[in-house]
Amino acid sequence: GIGFAVGTNNFKLLIYSLINFGVATVVSILASYLYFKLMPFKDHTSEILARTEPFILDVLIAFFGGLAGIIAATKRDNSTVVPGVAIATALMPPLCVTGYGLATGNWSYTFGAFYLFILNSLFICLATIVVLRYLKFPLATYVNKKKERNIKIYIAVFLAIILIPSGLKFKEIFEKSVFTNLAQTFVKEEISEIPGVKIFDKDYNFENETITLFLAGNSLITEARKKELLEKGAEVFKKDKNK
């Protein structure tokens, strides 16, 4: 509804859609909050952790889910299956984790999951706008030309609010995903293969561009080997930056 309103310059529909969106969001979070508050299940599973921060696949699922949803909505069969799948895969899981974070008092989970929900919502809207503009859907017209001009300005501002943060965040998420994949490959090929050494924990910090490993075993990594690993790591990530 929000994407359709922006794509067709329909300000009245935009207001109604935002209200519906807000109500549905609050109800979903409340249902999740009550569930986790009343039930004894409080452990954070891998599925919960996966929805506490955005990854490149989450964003792509939201965008292509929205793309499939609006294409299905523009067909004459009025099927709601595809839009329902887009909602189920991209929007409901982070909303459920938002409720979990509120119920358990974990604010980092709450804000992280809700941010993922907003980001996915923006990309579903973006996919809708792209398809509507491509199909050249008729724009809403108004008798009062001054009002029509003002509404176009409001819609343009709202569109900028959708596009600019989405583009910037997508770039950051993409770079972080590339860094994480390179780091995982480097650790697997260079560290995991060292005989007698076990990796107990690891952390890939995109902001500082560092790999932190906690190792144990019956053999030592010599200073010469450490230096060699540092040089190899620098070379790998330098090559990626140049690309």
C-alpha atoms as a PDB file:
ATOM      1  CA  GLY A   1       0.000   0.000   0.000  1.00  0.00           C
ATOM      2  CA  ILE A   2       2.767   2.455   0.899  1.00  0.00           C
ATOM      3  CA  GLY A   3       4.761   1.581  -2.213  1.00  0.00           C
ATOM      4  CA  PHE A   4       1.660   1.817  -4.412  1.00  0.00           C
ATOM      5  CA  ALA A   5       0.775   5.219  -2.945  1.00  0.00           C
ATOM      6  CA  VAL A   6       4.270   6.610  -3.543  1.00  0.00           C
ATOM      7  CA  GLY A   7       4.430   5.061  -7.020  1.00  0.00           C
ATOM      8  CA  THR A   8       1.144   6.705  -8.058  1.00  0.00           C
ATOM      9  CA  ASN A   9       1.425  10.004  -6.116  1.00  0.00           C
ATOM     10  CA  ASN A  10      -1.655   9.100  -4.066  1.00  0.00           C
ATOM     11  CA  PHE A  11      -1.204  11.036  -0.823  1.00  0.00           C
ATOM     12  CA  LYS A  12      -4.513   9.954   0.728  1.00  0.00           C
ATOM     13  CA  LEU A  13      -3.673   6.290   0.169  1.00  0.00           C
ATOM     14  CA  LEU A  14      -0.221   6.899   1.635  1.00  0.00           C
ATOM     15  CA  ILE A  15      -1.722   8.174   4.910  1.00  0.00           C
ATOM     16  CA  TYR A  16      -4.154   5.230   5.136  1.00  0.00           C
ATOM     17  CA  SER A  17      -1.379   2.755   4.334  1.00  0.00           C
ATOM     18  CA  LEU A  18       0.976   4.213   6.949  1.00  0.00           C
ATOM     19  CA  ILE A  19      -1.789   3.946   9.569  1.00  0.00           C
ATOM     20  CA  ASN A  20      -2.498   0.314   8.614  1.00  0.00           C
ATOM     21  CA  PHE A  21       1.227  -0.427   8.584  1.00  0.00           C
ATOM     22  CA  GLY A  22       1.637   1.070  12.058  1.00  0.00           C
ATOM     23  CA  VAL A  23      -1.326  -0.837  13.516  1.00  0.00           C
ATOM     24  CA  ALA A  24      -0.185  -4.163  12.010  1.00  0.00           C
ATOM     25  CA  THR A  25       3.361  -3.582  13.311  1.00  0.00           C
ATOM     26  CA  VAL A  26       2.211  -2.799  16.863  1.00  0.00           C
ATOM     27  CA  VAL A  27      -0.165  -5.798  16.958  1.00  0.00           C
ATOM     28  CA  SER A  28       2.570  -8.152  15.691  1.00  0.00           C
ATOM     29  CA  ILE A  29       5.131  -6.942  18.228  1.00  0.00           C
ATOM     30  CA  LEU A  30       2.545  -7.137  21.030  1.00  0.00           C
ATOM     31  CA  ALA A  31       1.633 -10.735  20.106  1.00  0.00           C
ATOM     32  CA  SER A  32       5.314 -11.727  20.091  1.00  0.00           C
ATOM     33  CA  TYR A  33       5.969  -9.893  23.366  1.00  0.00           C
ATOM     34  CA  LEU A  34       3.072 -11.624  25.148  1.00  0.00           C
ATOM     35  CA  TYR A  35       4.105 -15.025  23.805  1.00  0.00           C
ATOM     36  CA  PHE A  36       7.700 -14.776  25.051  1.00  0.00           C
ATOM     37  CA  LYS A  37       6.600 -13.132  28.301  1.00  0.00           C
ATOM     38  CA  LEU A  38       4.134 -15.889  29.165  1.00  0.00           C
ATOM     39  CA  MET A  39       6.020 -18.895  27.790  1.00  0.00           C
ATOM     40  CA  PRO A  40       9.142 -20.394  29.430  1.00  0.00           C
ATOM     41  CA  PHE A  41      11.117 -20.352  26.149  1.00  0.00           C
ATOM     42  CA  LYS A  42      13.698 -17.597  26.620  1.00  0.00           C
ATOM     43  CA  ASP A  43      16.851 -19.020  25.002  1.00  0.00           C
ATOM     44  CA  HIS A  44      18.153 -17.109  21.989  1.00  0.00           C
ATOM     45  CA  THR A  45      18.369 -19.583  19.124  1.00  0.00           C
ATOM     46  CA  SER A  46      20.362 -19.245  15.917  1.00  0.00           C
ATOM     47  CA  GLU A  47      17.167 -18.123  14.141  1.00  0.00           C
ATOM     48  CA  ILE A  48      16.704 -15.297  16.653  1.00  0.00           C
ATOM     49  CA  LEU A  49      20.348 -14.220  16.416  1.00  0.00           C
ATOM     50  CA  ALA A  50      20.116 -14.173  12.602  1.00  0.00           C
ATOM     51  CA  ARG A  51      17.420 -11.468  12.840  1.00  0.00           C
ATOM     52  CA  THR A  52      19.280  -9.094  15.154  1.00  0.00           C
ATOM     53  CA  GLU A  53      21.223  -7.340  12.381  1.00  0.00           C
ATOM     54  CA  PRO A  54      20.801  -6.988   8.617  1.00  0.00           C
ATOM     55  CA  PHE A  55      22.702  -9.168   6.149  1.00  0.00           C
ATOM     56  CA  ILE A  56      22.880  -8.912   2.383  1.00  0.00           C
ATOM     57  CA  LEU A  57      20.581 -11.923   1.855  1.00  0.00           C
ATOM     58  CA  ASP A  58      17.890 -10.418   4.112  1.00  0.00           C
ATOM     59  CA  VAL A  59      17.793  -7.267   2.003  1.00  0.00           C
ATOM     60  CA  LEU A  60      17.750  -9.206  -1.281  1.00  0.00           C
ATOM     61  CA  ILE A  61      14.937 -11.471  -0.046  1.00  0.00           C
ATOM     62  CA  ALA A  62      12.906  -8.387   0.903  1.00  0.00           C
ATOM     63  CA  PHE A  63      13.513  -6.654  -2.433  1.00  0.00           C
ATOM     64  CA  PHE A  64      12.785  -9.658  -4.653  1.00  0.00           C
ATOM     65  CA  GLY A  65       9.890 -10.706  -2.416  1.00  0.00           C
ATOM     66  CA  GLY A  66       8.411  -7.233  -2.874  1.00  0.00           C
ATOM     67  CA  LEU A  67       9.116  -7.449  -6.603  1.00  0.00           C
ATOM     68  CA  ALA A  68       7.269 -10.768  -6.871  1.00  0.00           C
ATOM     69  CA  GLY A  69       4.493  -9.438  -4.650  1.00  0.00           C
ATOM     70  CA  ILE A  70       3.704  -6.343  -6.713  1.00  0.00           C
ATOM     71  CA  ILE A  71       3.925  -8.290  -9.996  1.00  0.00           C
ATOM     72  CA  ALA A  72       1.411 -10.798  -8.580  1.00  0.00           C
ATOM     73  CA  ALA A  73      -0.787  -7.954  -7.313  1.00  0.00           C
ATOM     74  CA  THR A  74      -0.936  -6.331 -10.756  1.00  0.00           C
ATOM     75  CA  LYS A  75      -2.266  -9.529 -12.341  1.00  0.00           C
ATOM     76  CA  ARG A  76      -6.004 -10.180 -12.606  1.00  0.00           C
ATOM     77  CA  ASP A  77      -6.162 -13.300 -10.449  1.00  0.00           C
ATOM     78  CA  ASN A  78      -5.893 -11.221  -7.218  1.00  0.00           C
ATOM     79  CA  SER A  79      -3.739 -13.873  -5.564  1.00  0.00           C
ATOM     80  CA  THR A  80      -2.312 -12.957  -2.146  1.00  0.00           C
ATOM     81  CA  VAL A  81      -0.017 -15.988  -1.882  1.00  0.00           C
ATOM     82  CA  VAL A  82       3.177 -14.348  -3.169  1.00  0.00           C
ATOM     83  CA  PRO A  83       2.776 -11.098  -1.166  1.00  0.00           C
ATOM     84  CA  GLY A  84       2.003 -13.289   1.855  1.00  0.00           C
ATOM     85  CA  VAL A  85       5.254 -15.202   1.380  1.00  0.00           C
ATOM     86  CA  ALA A  86       7.185 -11.912   1.086  1.00  0.00           C
ATOM     87  CA  ILE A  87       5.676 -10.759   4.384  1.00  0.00           C
ATOM     88  CA  ALA A  88       6.289 -14.109   6.075  1.00  0.00           C
ATOM     89  CA  THR A  89       9.950 -14.325   5.045  1.00  0.00           C
ATOM     90  CA  ALA A  90      11.053 -10.688   5.267  1.00  0.00           C
ATOM     91  CA  LEU A  91       8.852  -8.924   7.821  1.00  0.00           C
ATOM     92  CA  MET A  92       7.406 -11.261  10.448  1.00  0.00           C
ATOM     93  CA  PRO A  93      10.657 -12.896  11.706  1.00  0.00           C
ATOM     94  CA  PRO A  94      12.326  -9.574  12.691  1.00  0.00           C
ATOM     95  CA  LEU A  95       9.054  -8.379  14.272  1.00  0.00           C
ATOM     96  CA  CYS A  96       8.901 -11.575  16.349  1.00  0.00           C
ATOM     97  CA  VAL A  97      12.506 -11.040  17.468  1.00  0.00           C
ATOM     98  CA  THR A  98      11.630  -7.440  18.365  1.00  0.00           C
ATOM     99  CA  GLY A  99       8.941  -8.792  20.689  1.00  0.00           C
ATOM    100  CA  TYR A 100      11.429 -11.331  22.064  1.00  0.00           C
ATOM    101  CA  GLY A 101      13.912  -8.551  22.823  1.00  0.00           C
ATOM    102  CA  LEU A 102      11.249  -6.543  24.663  1.00  0.00           C
ATOM    103  CA  ALA A 103      10.089  -9.582  26.650  1.00  0.00           C
ATOM    104  CA  THR A 104      13.623 -10.522  27.718  1.00  0.00           C
ATOM    105  CA  GLY A 105      14.858  -6.947  28.236  1.00  0.00           C
ATOM    106  CA  ASN A 106      17.544  -7.301  25.575  1.00  0.00           C
ATOM    107  CA  TRP A 107      17.538  -3.875  23.923  1.00  0.00           C
ATOM    108  CA  SER A 108      20.270  -4.657  21.394  1.00  0.00           C
ATOM    109  CA  TYR A 109      18.083  -7.489  20.023  1.00  0.00           C
ATOM    110  CA  THR A 110      15.012  -5.233  20.060  1.00  0.00           C
ATOM    111  CA  PHE A 111      16.554  -2.339  18.143  1.00  0.00           C
ATOM    112  CA  GLY A 112      18.580  -4.583  15.811  1.00  0.00           C
ATOM    113  CA  ALA A 113      15.564  -6.670  14.794  1.00  0.00           C
ATOM    114  CA  PHE A 114      13.291  -3.638  14.426  1.00  0.00           C
ATOM    115  CA  TYR A 115      15.904  -1.924  12.271  1.00  0.00           C
ATOM    116  CA  LEU A 116      16.013  -5.017  10.041  1.00  0.00           C
ATOM    117  CA  PHE A 117      12.193  -4.901   9.813  1.00  0.00           C
ATOM    118  CA  ILE A 118      12.212  -1.232   8.751  1.00  0.00           C
ATOM    119  CA  LEU A 119      14.991  -1.849   6.223  1.00  0.00           C
ATOM    120  CA  ASN A 120      13.152  -4.829   4.702  1.00  0.00           C
ATOM    121  CA  SER A 121       9.941  -2.781   4.569  1.00  0.00           C
ATOM    122  CA  LEU A 122      11.756  -0.017   2.691  1.00  0.00           C
ATOM    123  CA  PHE A 123      13.100  -2.452   0.111  1.00  0.00           C
ATOM    124  CA  ILE A 124       9.653  -4.005  -0.419  1.00  0.00           C
ATOM    125  CA  CYS A 125       8.318  -0.463  -0.974  1.00  0.00           C
ATOM    126  CA  LEU A 126      11.201   0.275  -3.331  1.00  0.00           C
ATOM    127  CA  ALA A 127      10.475  -2.833  -5.419  1.00  0.00           C
ATOM    128  CA  THR A 128       6.811  -1.813  -5.632  1.00  0.00           C
ATOM    129  CA  ILE A 129       7.668   1.728  -6.769  1.00  0.00           C
ATOM    130  CA  VAL A 130      10.105   0.463  -9.418  1.00  0.00           C
ATOM    131  CA  VAL A 131       7.504  -1.900 -10.949  1.00  0.00           C
ATOM    132  CA  LEU A 132       4.699   0.691 -10.916  1.00  0.00           C
ATOM    133  CA  ARG A 133       6.864   3.315 -12.585  1.00  0.00           C
ATOM    134  CA  TYR A 134       8.090   0.760 -15.131  1.00  0.00           C
ATOM    135  CA  LEU A 135       4.517  -0.294 -15.954  1.00  0.00           C
ATOM    136  CA  LYS A 136       3.549   3.410 -16.147  1.00  0.00           C
ATOM    137  CA  PHE A 137       0.619   3.173 -13.781  1.00  0.00           C
ATOM    138  CA  PRO A 138      -1.555   6.320 -13.994  1.00  0.00           C
ATOM    139  CA  LEU A 139      -0.655   8.944 -11.389  1.00  0.00           C
ATOM    140  CA  ALA A 140      -3.294  10.403  -9.103  1.00  0.00           C
ATOM    141  CA  THR A 141      -4.603  13.785 -10.294  1.00  0.00           C
ATOM    142  CA  TYR A 142      -6.240  16.601  -8.324  1.00  0.00           C
ATOM    143  CA  VAL A 143      -8.598  19.414  -9.307  1.00  0.00           C
ATOM    144  CA  ASN A 144      -6.602  21.919  -7.291  1.00  0.00           C
ATOM    145  CA  LYS A 145      -3.275  22.219  -9.139  1.00  0.00           C
ATOM    146  CA  LYS A 146      -1.553  23.901  -6.191  1.00  0.00           C
ATOM    147  CA  LYS A 147      -2.562  21.002  -3.959  1.00  0.00           C
ATOM    148  CA  GLU A 148      -1.366  18.545  -6.606  1.00  0.00           C
ATOM    149  CA  ARG A 149       2.032  20.284  -6.738  1.00  0.00           C
ATOM    150  CA  ASN A 150       2.353  20.187  -2.936  1.00  0.00           C
ATOM    151  CA  ILE A 151       1.410  16.500  -2.856  1.00  0.00           C
ATOM    152  CA  LYS A 152       4.051  15.739  -5.481  1.00  0.00           C
ATOM    153  CA  ILE A 153       6.601  17.497  -3.272  1.00  0.00           C
ATOM    154  CA  TYR A 154       5.497  15.458  -0.225  1.00  0.00           C
ATOM    155  CA  ILE A 155       5.708  12.232  -2.240  1.00  0.00           C
ATOM    156  CA  ALA A 156       9.154  13.182  -3.594  1.00  0.00           C
ATOM    157  CA  VAL A 157      10.415  13.857  -0.056  1.00  0.00           C
ATOM    158  CA  PHE A 158       9.003  10.541   1.149  1.00  0.00           C
ATOM    159  CA  LEU A 159      10.619   8.778  -1.817  1.00  0.00           C
ATOM    160  CA  ALA A 160      13.980  10.358  -0.953  1.00  0.00           C
ATOM    161  CA  ILE A 161      13.553   9.141   2.639  1.00  0.00           C
ATOM    162  CA  ILE A 162      13.103   5.615   1.253  1.00  0.00           C
ATOM    163  CA  LEU A 163      15.840   5.689  -1.385  1.00  0.00           C
ATOM    164  CA  ILE A 164      18.767   7.475   0.273  1.00  0.00           C
ATOM    165  CA  PRO A 165      18.994   5.484   3.555  1.00  0.00           C
ATOM    166  CA  SER A 166      18.238   2.224   1.702  1.00  0.00           C
ATOM    167  CA  GLY A 167      21.025   2.821  -0.812  1.00  0.00           C
ATOM    168  CA  LEU A 168      23.571   3.798   1.814  1.00  0.00           C
ATOM    169  CA  LYS A 169      22.688   0.869   4.065  1.00  0.00           C
ATOM    170  CA  PHE A 170      22.743  -1.593   1.157  1.00  0.00           C
ATOM    171  CA  LYS A 171      26.277  -0.432   0.295  1.00  0.00           C
ATOM    172  CA  GLU A 172      27.399  -0.905   3.911  1.00  0.00           C
ATOM    173  CA  ILE A 173      25.759  -4.332   4.208  1.00  0.00           C
ATOM    174  CA  PHE A 174      27.292  -5.448   0.901  1.00  0.00           C
ATOM    175  CA  GLU A 175      30.798  -4.358   1.972  1.00  0.00           C
ATOM    176  CA  LYS A 176      30.367  -6.059   5.348  1.00  0.00           C
ATOM    177  CA  SER A 177      29.225  -9.301   3.680  1.00  0.00           C
ATOM    178  CA  VAL A 178      32.247  -9.244   1.347  1.00  0.00           C
ATOM    179  CA  PHE A 179      34.590  -8.634   4.297  1.00  0.00           C
ATOM    180  CA  THR A 180      33.024 -11.443   6.364  1.00  0.00           C
ATOM    181  CA  ASN A 181      33.213 -13.939   3.484  1.00  0.00           C
ATOM    182  CA  LEU A 182      36.851 -13.063   2.815  1.00  0.00           C
ATOM    183  CA  ALA A 183      37.672 -13.349   6.518  1.00  0.00           C
ATOM    184  CA  GLN A 184      35.956 -16.744   6.833  1.00  0.00           C
ATOM    185  CA  THR A 185      37.791 -18.070   3.776  1.00  0.00           C
ATOM    186  CA  PHE A 186      41.121 -16.746   5.052  1.00  0.00           C
ATOM    187  CA  VAL A 187      40.676 -18.334   8.495  1.00  0.00           C
ATOM    188  CA  LYS A 188      39.562 -21.640   6.977  1.00  0.00           C
ATOM    189  CA  GLU A 189      42.472 -21.854   4.546  1.00  0.00           C
ATOM    190  CA  GLU A 190      45.275 -20.409   6.657  1.00  0.00           C
ATOM    191  CA  ILE A 191      44.411 -21.075  10.333  1.00  0.00           C
ATOM    192  CA  SER A 192      42.121 -24.117  10.442  1.00  0.00           C
ATOM    193  CA  GLU A 193      44.693 -26.181   8.544  1.00  0.00           C
ATOM    194  CA  ILE A 194      47.462 -25.658  11.125  1.00  0.00           C
ATOM    195  CA  PRO A 195      48.032 -29.083  12.756  1.00  0.00           C
ATOM    196  CA  GLY A 196      47.488 -29.270  16.512  1.00  0.00           C
ATOM    197  CA  VAL A 197      45.667 -25.921  16.724  1.00  0.00           C
ATOM    198  CA  LYS A 198      41.949 -25.516  17.518  1.00  0.00           C
ATOM    199  CA  ILE A 199      39.872 -22.376  17.013  1.00  0.00           C
ATOM    200  CA  PHE A 200      37.663 -21.904  20.083  1.00  0.00           C
ATOM    201  CA  ASP A 201      36.117 -18.577  19.119  1.00  0.00           C
ATOM    202  CA  LYS A 202      36.403 -15.988  16.367  1.00  0.00           C
ATOM    203  CA  ASP A 203      35.205 -12.493  15.662  1.00  0.00           C
ATOM    204  CA  TYR A 204      35.171 -10.565  12.390  1.00  0.00           C
ATOM    205  CA  ASN A 205      35.028  -6.811  13.001  1.00  0.00           C
ATOM    206  CA  PHE A 206      34.066  -4.958   9.833  1.00  0.00           C
ATOM    207  CA  GLU A 207      34.393  -1.479  11.379  1.00  0.00           C
ATOM    208  CA  ASN A 208      38.013  -2.003  12.485  1.00  0.00           C
ATOM    209  CA  GLU A 209      38.771  -4.515   9.695  1.00  0.00           C
ATOM    210  CA  THR A 210      40.206  -7.018  12.159  1.00  0.00           C
ATOM    211  CA  ILE A 211      39.979 -10.760  12.693  1.00  0.00           C
ATOM    212  CA  THR A 212      40.188 -11.877  16.329  1.00  0.00           C
ATOM    213  CA  LEU A 213      40.824 -15.564  17.023  1.00  0.00           C
ATOM    214  CA  PHE A 214      41.011 -17.514  20.276  1.00  0.00           C
ATOM    215  CA  LEU A 215      43.264 -20.524  19.703  1.00  0.00           C
ATOM    216  CA  ALA A 216      44.406 -23.493  21.753  1.00  0.00           C
ATOM    217  CA  GLY A 217      46.362 -26.639  20.997  1.00  0.00           C
ATOM    218  CA  ASN A 218      49.498 -28.685  21.510  1.00  0.00           C
ATOM    219  CA  SER A 219      51.657 -26.718  19.085  1.00  0.00           C
ATOM    220  CA  LEU A 220      52.688 -23.079  18.952  1.00  0.00           C
ATOM    221  CA  ILE A 221      52.407 -20.606  16.101  1.00  0.00           C
ATOM    222  CA  THR A 222      55.875 -19.123  15.715  1.00  0.00           C
ATOM    223  CA  GLU A 223      56.506 -15.398  15.408  1.00  0.00           C
ATOM    224  CA  ALA A 224      57.648 -15.943  11.824  1.00  0.00           C
ATOM    225  CA  ARG A 225      54.358 -17.715  11.044  1.00  0.00           C
ATOM    226  CA  LYS A 226      52.364 -14.913  12.711  1.00  0.00           C
ATOM    227  CA  LYS A 227      54.148 -12.346  10.591  1.00  0.00           C
ATOM    228  CA  GLU A 228      53.485 -14.404   7.470  1.00  0.00           C
ATOM    229  CA  LEU A 229      49.772 -14.659   8.330  1.00  0.00           C
ATOM    230  CA  LEU A 230      49.528 -10.909   8.934  1.00  0.00           C
ATOM    231  CA  GLU A 231      51.161 -10.199   5.567  1.00  0.00           C
ATOM    232  CA  LYS A 232      48.872 -12.666   3.772  1.00  0.00           C
ATOM    233  CA  GLY A 233      45.800 -11.197   5.439  1.00  0.00           C
ATOM    234  CA  ALA A 234      46.795  -7.655   4.529  1.00  0.00           C
ATOM    235  CA  GLU A 235      47.393  -8.738   0.948  1.00  0.00           C
ATOM    236  CA  VAL A 236      43.997 -10.469   0.665  1.00  0.00           C
ATOM    237  CA  PHE A 237      42.007  -7.489   1.943  1.00  0.00           C
ATOM    238  CA  LYS A 238      44.107  -4.954   0.070  1.00  0.00           C
ATOM    239  CA  LYS A 239      43.353  -6.780  -3.178  1.00  0.00           C
ATOM    240  CA  ASP A 240      39.655  -6.681  -2.390  1.00  0.00           C
ATOM    241  CA  LYS A 241      39.749  -2.944  -1.675  1.00  0.00           C
ATOM    242  CA  ASN A 242      41.438  -2.288  -4.989  1.00  0.00           C
ATOM    243  CA  LYS A 243      38.627  -4.157  -6.759  1.00  0.00           C
END
